[in-house]
Amino acid sequence: MPDPKDSTAVQSMEREQAAQRERASKGGLDNALADTFPASDPVPHLTEAE
């Protein structure tokens, strides 16, 4: 029986999910940066546990 991970649909879904995680992480940093202005405090780099 073929491995389900070899399916092009599964591979496409995994690529899309990775892209969504990347966009979400960049958006979080952008929001954190915007929240610090005009203060001179450094931007906190927070990561969410999965």
PDB file of N, CA and C in Angstrom:
ATOM      1  N   MET A   1       0.853  -1.185   0.000  1.00  0.00           N
ATOM      2  CA  MET A   1       0.000   0.000   0.000  1.00  0.00           C
ATOM      3  C   MET A   1       0.899   1.249   0.000  1.00  0.00           C
ATOM      4  N   PRO A   2       0.604   2.224  -0.842  1.00  0.00           N
ATOM      5  CA  PRO A   2       1.435   3.423  -0.919  1.00  0.00           C
ATOM      6  C   PRO A   2       1.363   4.259   0.368  1.00  0.00           C
ATOM      7  N   ASP A   3       2.451   4.933   0.638  1.00  0.00           N
ATOM      8  CA  ASP A   3       2.527   5.814   1.800  1.00  0.00           C
ATOM      9  C   ASP A   3       1.685   7.068   1.538  1.00  0.00           C
ATOM     10  N   PRO A   4       0.757   7.415   2.444  1.00  0.00           N
ATOM     11  CA  PRO A   4      -0.087   8.596   2.239  1.00  0.00           C
ATOM     12  C   PRO A   4       0.718   9.895   2.120  1.00  0.00           C
ATOM     13  N   LYS A   5       1.899   9.944   2.716  1.00  0.00           N
ATOM     14  CA  LYS A   5       2.721  11.156   2.637  1.00  0.00           C
ATOM     15  C   LYS A   5       3.276  11.380   1.232  1.00  0.00           C
ATOM     16  N   ASP A   6       3.243  10.366   0.384  1.00  0.00           N
ATOM     17  CA  ASP A   6       3.703  10.508  -0.993  1.00  0.00           C
ATOM     18  C   ASP A   6       2.641  11.143  -1.890  1.00  0.00           C
ATOM     19  N   SER A   7       1.429  11.287  -1.380  1.00  0.00           N
ATOM     20  CA  SER A   7       0.332  11.868  -2.152  1.00  0.00           C
ATOM     21  C   SER A   7       0.627  13.337  -2.456  1.00  0.00           C
ATOM     22  N   THR A   8       0.354  13.753  -3.690  1.00  0.00           N
ATOM     23  CA  THR A   8       0.575  15.160  -4.045  1.00  0.00           C
ATOM     24  C   THR A   8      -0.361  16.067  -3.259  1.00  0.00           C
ATOM     25  N   ALA A   9      -1.548  15.599  -2.904  1.00  0.00           N
ATOM     26  CA  ALA A   9      -2.483  16.397  -2.112  1.00  0.00           C
ATOM     27  C   ALA A   9      -1.924  16.638  -0.709  1.00  0.00           C
ATOM     28  N   VAL A  10      -1.361  15.606  -0.115  1.00  0.00           N
ATOM     29  CA  VAL A  10      -0.781  15.740   1.223  1.00  0.00           C
ATOM     30  C   VAL A  10       0.430  16.676   1.168  1.00  0.00           C
ATOM     31  N   GLN A  11       1.262  16.522   0.176  1.00  0.00           N
ATOM     32  CA  GLN A  11       2.431  17.391   0.041  1.00  0.00           C
ATOM     33  C   GLN A  11       2.014  18.846  -0.155  1.00  0.00           C
ATOM     34  N   SER A  12       0.993  19.072  -0.950  1.00  0.00           N
ATOM     35  CA  SER A  12       0.487  20.431  -1.173  1.00  0.00           C
ATOM     36  C   SER A  12      -0.047  21.031   0.126  1.00  0.00           C
ATOM     37  N   MET A  13      -0.799  20.232   0.868  1.00  0.00           N
ATOM     38  CA  MET A  13      -1.344  20.700   2.139  1.00  0.00           C
ATOM     39  C   MET A  13      -0.223  21.045   3.118  1.00  0.00           C
ATOM     40  N   GLU A  14       0.812  20.211   3.189  1.00  0.00           N
ATOM     41  CA  GLU A  14       1.925  20.467   4.091  1.00  0.00           C
ATOM     42  C   GLU A  14       2.667  21.747   3.703  1.00  0.00           C
ATOM     43  N   ARG A  15       2.835  21.984   2.384  1.00  0.00           N
ATOM     44  CA  ARG A  15       3.480  23.232   1.939  1.00  0.00           C
ATOM     45  C   ARG A  15       2.640  24.443   2.324  1.00  0.00           C
ATOM     46  N   GLU A  16       1.329  24.353   2.148  1.00  0.00           N
ATOM     47  CA  GLU A  16       0.435  25.458   2.483  1.00  0.00           C
ATOM     48  C   GLU A  16       0.455  25.733   3.989  1.00  0.00           C
ATOM     49  N   GLN A  17       0.448  24.681   4.790  1.00  0.00           N
ATOM     50  CA  GLN A  17       0.484  24.855   6.237  1.00  0.00           C
ATOM     51  C   GLN A  17       1.802  25.502   6.673  1.00  0.00           C
ATOM     52  N   ALA A  18       2.900  25.112   6.068  1.00  0.00           N
ATOM     53  CA  ALA A  18       4.195  25.722   6.382  1.00  0.00           C
ATOM     54  C   ALA A  18       4.191  27.205   6.007  1.00  0.00           C
ATOM     55  N   ALA A  19       3.611  27.536   4.859  1.00  0.00           N
ATOM     56  CA  ALA A  19       3.529  28.938   4.432  1.00  0.00           C
ATOM     57  C   ALA A  19       2.654  29.739   5.393  1.00  0.00           C
ATOM     58  N   GLN A  20       1.561  29.153   5.857  1.00  0.00           N
ATOM     59  CA  GLN A  20       0.688  29.846   6.808  1.00  0.00           C
ATOM     60  C   GLN A  20       1.405  30.094   8.130  1.00  0.00           C
ATOM     61  N   ARG A  21       2.165  29.106   8.610  1.00  0.00           N
ATOM     62  CA  ARG A  21       2.922  29.291   9.848  1.00  0.00           C
ATOM     63  C   ARG A  21       3.950  30.399   9.683  1.00  0.00           C
ATOM     64  N   GLU A  22       4.603  30.439   8.527  1.00  0.00           N
ATOM     65  CA  GLU A  22       5.605  31.476   8.254  1.00  0.00           C
ATOM     66  C   GLU A  22       4.954  32.860   8.248  1.00  0.00           C
ATOM     67  N   ARG A  23       3.816  32.987   7.576  1.00  0.00           N
ATOM     68  CA  ARG A  23       3.117  34.276   7.533  1.00  0.00           C
ATOM     69  C   ARG A  23       2.666  34.689   8.928  1.00  0.00           C
ATOM     70  N   ALA A  24       2.188  33.748   9.711  1.00  0.00           N
ATOM     71  CA  ALA A  24       1.713  34.052  11.062  1.00  0.00           C
ATOM     72  C   ALA A  24       2.863  34.513  11.949  1.00  0.00           C
ATOM     73  N   SER A  25       4.020  33.870  11.823  1.00  0.00           N
ATOM     74  CA  SER A  25       5.153  34.265  12.661  1.00  0.00           C
ATOM     75  C   SER A  25       5.673  35.642  12.264  1.00  0.00           C
ATOM     76  N   LYS A  26       5.681  35.954  10.989  1.00  0.00           N
ATOM     77  CA  LYS A  26       6.113  37.279  10.548  1.00  0.00           C
ATOM     78  C   LYS A  26       5.114  38.338  10.969  1.00  0.00           C
ATOM     79  N   GLY A  27       3.830  38.018  10.897  1.00  0.00           N
ATOM     80  CA  GLY A  27       2.799  38.967  11.303  1.00  0.00           C
ATOM     81  C   GLY A  27       2.885  39.290  12.780  1.00  0.00           C
ATOM     82  N   GLY A  28       3.195  38.301  13.594  1.00  0.00           N
ATOM     83  CA  GLY A  28       3.337  38.521  15.028  1.00  0.00           C
ATOM     84  C   GLY A  28       4.484  39.463  15.335  1.00  0.00           C
ATOM     85  N   LEU A  29       5.581  39.306  14.652  1.00  0.00           N
ATOM     86  CA  LEU A  29       6.732  40.183  14.863  1.00  0.00           C
ATOM     87  C   LEU A  29       6.414  41.595  14.398  1.00  0.00           C
ATOM     88  N   ASP A  30       5.721  41.722  13.260  1.00  0.00           N
ATOM     89  CA  ASP A  30       5.325  43.042  12.773  1.00  0.00           C
ATOM     90  C   ASP A  30       4.419  43.736  13.782  1.00  0.00           C
ATOM     91  N   ASN A  31       3.466  43.010  14.343  1.00  0.00           N
ATOM     92  CA  ASN A  31       2.568  43.602  15.336  1.00  0.00           C
ATOM     93  C   ASN A  31       3.325  43.998  16.590  1.00  0.00           C
ATOM     94  N   ALA A  32       4.238  43.175  17.042  1.00  0.00           N
ATOM     95  CA  ALA A  32       5.032  43.504  18.226  1.00  0.00           C
ATOM     96  C   ALA A  32       5.873  44.747  17.972  1.00  0.00           C
ATOM     97  N   LEU A  33       6.428  44.852  16.789  1.00  0.00           N
ATOM     98  CA  LEU A  33       7.226  46.016  16.437  1.00  0.00           C
ATOM     99  C   LEU A  33       6.359  47.275  16.424  1.00  0.00           C
ATOM    100  N   ALA A  34       5.190  47.201  15.821  1.00  0.00           N
ATOM    101  CA  ALA A  34       4.293  48.359  15.758  1.00  0.00           C
ATOM    102  C   ALA A  34       3.857  48.792  17.152  1.00  0.00           C
ATOM    103  N   ASP A  35       3.675  47.841  18.051  1.00  0.00           N
ATOM    104  CA  ASP A  35       3.234  48.166  19.410  1.00  0.00           C
ATOM    105  C   ASP A  35       4.308  48.872  20.229  1.00  0.00           C
ATOM    106  N   THR A  36       5.556  48.826  19.811  1.00  0.00           N
ATOM    107  CA  THR A  36       6.630  49.446  20.592  1.00  0.00           C
ATOM    108  C   THR A  36       6.863  50.906  20.227  1.00  0.00           C
ATOM    109  N   PHE A  37       6.371  51.343  19.092  1.00  0.00           N
ATOM    110  CA  PHE A  37       6.620  52.718  18.679  1.00  0.00           C
ATOM    111  C   PHE A  37       5.645  53.666  19.330  1.00  0.00           C
ATOM    112  N   PRO A  38       6.066  54.846  19.714  1.00  0.00           N
ATOM    113  CA  PRO A  38       7.368  55.467  19.506  1.00  0.00           C
ATOM    114  C   PRO A  38       8.370  55.192  20.625  1.00  0.00           C
ATOM    115  N   ALA A  39       8.094  54.275  21.512  1.00  0.00           N
ATOM    116  CA  ALA A  39       9.021  53.966  22.605  1.00  0.00           C
ATOM    117  C   ALA A  39      10.335  53.419  22.078  1.00  0.00           C
ATOM    118  N   SER A  40      11.340  53.486  22.913  1.00  0.00           N
ATOM    119  CA  SER A  40      12.655  53.005  22.492  1.00  0.00           C
ATOM    120  C   SER A  40      12.953  51.608  23.021  1.00  0.00           C
ATOM    121  N   ASP A  41      11.963  50.947  23.580  1.00  0.00           N
ATOM    122  CA  ASP A  41      12.161  49.588  24.096  1.00  0.00           C
ATOM    123  C   ASP A  41      12.402  48.614  22.954  1.00  0.00           C
ATOM    124  N   PRO A  42      13.257  47.619  23.177  1.00  0.00           N
ATOM    125  CA  PRO A  42      13.475  46.613  22.121  1.00  0.00           C
ATOM    126  C   PRO A  42      12.233  45.756  21.927  1.00  0.00           C
ATOM    127  N   VAL A  43      12.105  45.214  20.751  1.00  0.00           N
ATOM    128  CA  VAL A  43      10.975  44.354  20.414  1.00  0.00           C
ATOM    129  C   VAL A  43      11.178  42.988  21.063  1.00  0.00           C
ATOM    130  N   PRO A  44      10.191  42.521  21.847  1.00  0.00           N
ATOM    131  CA  PRO A  44      10.334  41.178  22.420  1.00  0.00           C
ATOM    132  C   PRO A  44      10.067  40.136  21.351  1.00  0.00           C
ATOM    133  N   HIS A  45      10.893  39.113  21.311  1.00  0.00           N
ATOM    134  CA  HIS A  45      10.688  38.047  20.327  1.00  0.00           C
ATOM    135  C   HIS A  45      10.053  36.880  21.059  1.00  0.00           C
ATOM    136  N   LEU A  46       8.749  36.714  20.855  1.00  0.00           N
ATOM    137  CA  LEU A  46       7.998  35.644  21.513  1.00  0.00           C
ATOM    138  C   LEU A  46       7.659  34.576  20.494  1.00  0.00           C
ATOM    139  N   THR A  47       7.741  33.347  20.912  1.00  0.00           N
ATOM    140  CA  THR A  47       7.315  32.246  20.048  1.00  0.00           C
ATOM    141  C   THR A  47       6.217  31.494  20.770  1.00  0.00           C
ATOM    142  N   GLU A  48       5.257  31.016  19.993  1.00  0.00           N
ATOM    143  CA  GLU A  48       4.166  30.251  20.569  1.00  0.00           C
ATOM    144  C   GLU A  48       4.505  28.770  20.492  1.00  0.00           C
ATOM    145  N   ALA A  49       4.205  28.083  21.558  1.00  0.00           N
ATOM    146  CA  ALA A  49       4.414  26.638  21.572  1.00  0.00           C
ATOM    147  C   ALA A  49       3.361  25.969  20.716  1.00  0.00           C
ATOM    148  N   GLU A  50       3.768  24.975  19.976  1.00  0.00           N
ATOM    149  CA  GLU A  50       2.814  24.255  19.119  1.00  0.00           C
ATOM    150  C   GLU A  50       2.275  23.063  19.827  1.00  0.00           C
TER     151      GLU A  50
END
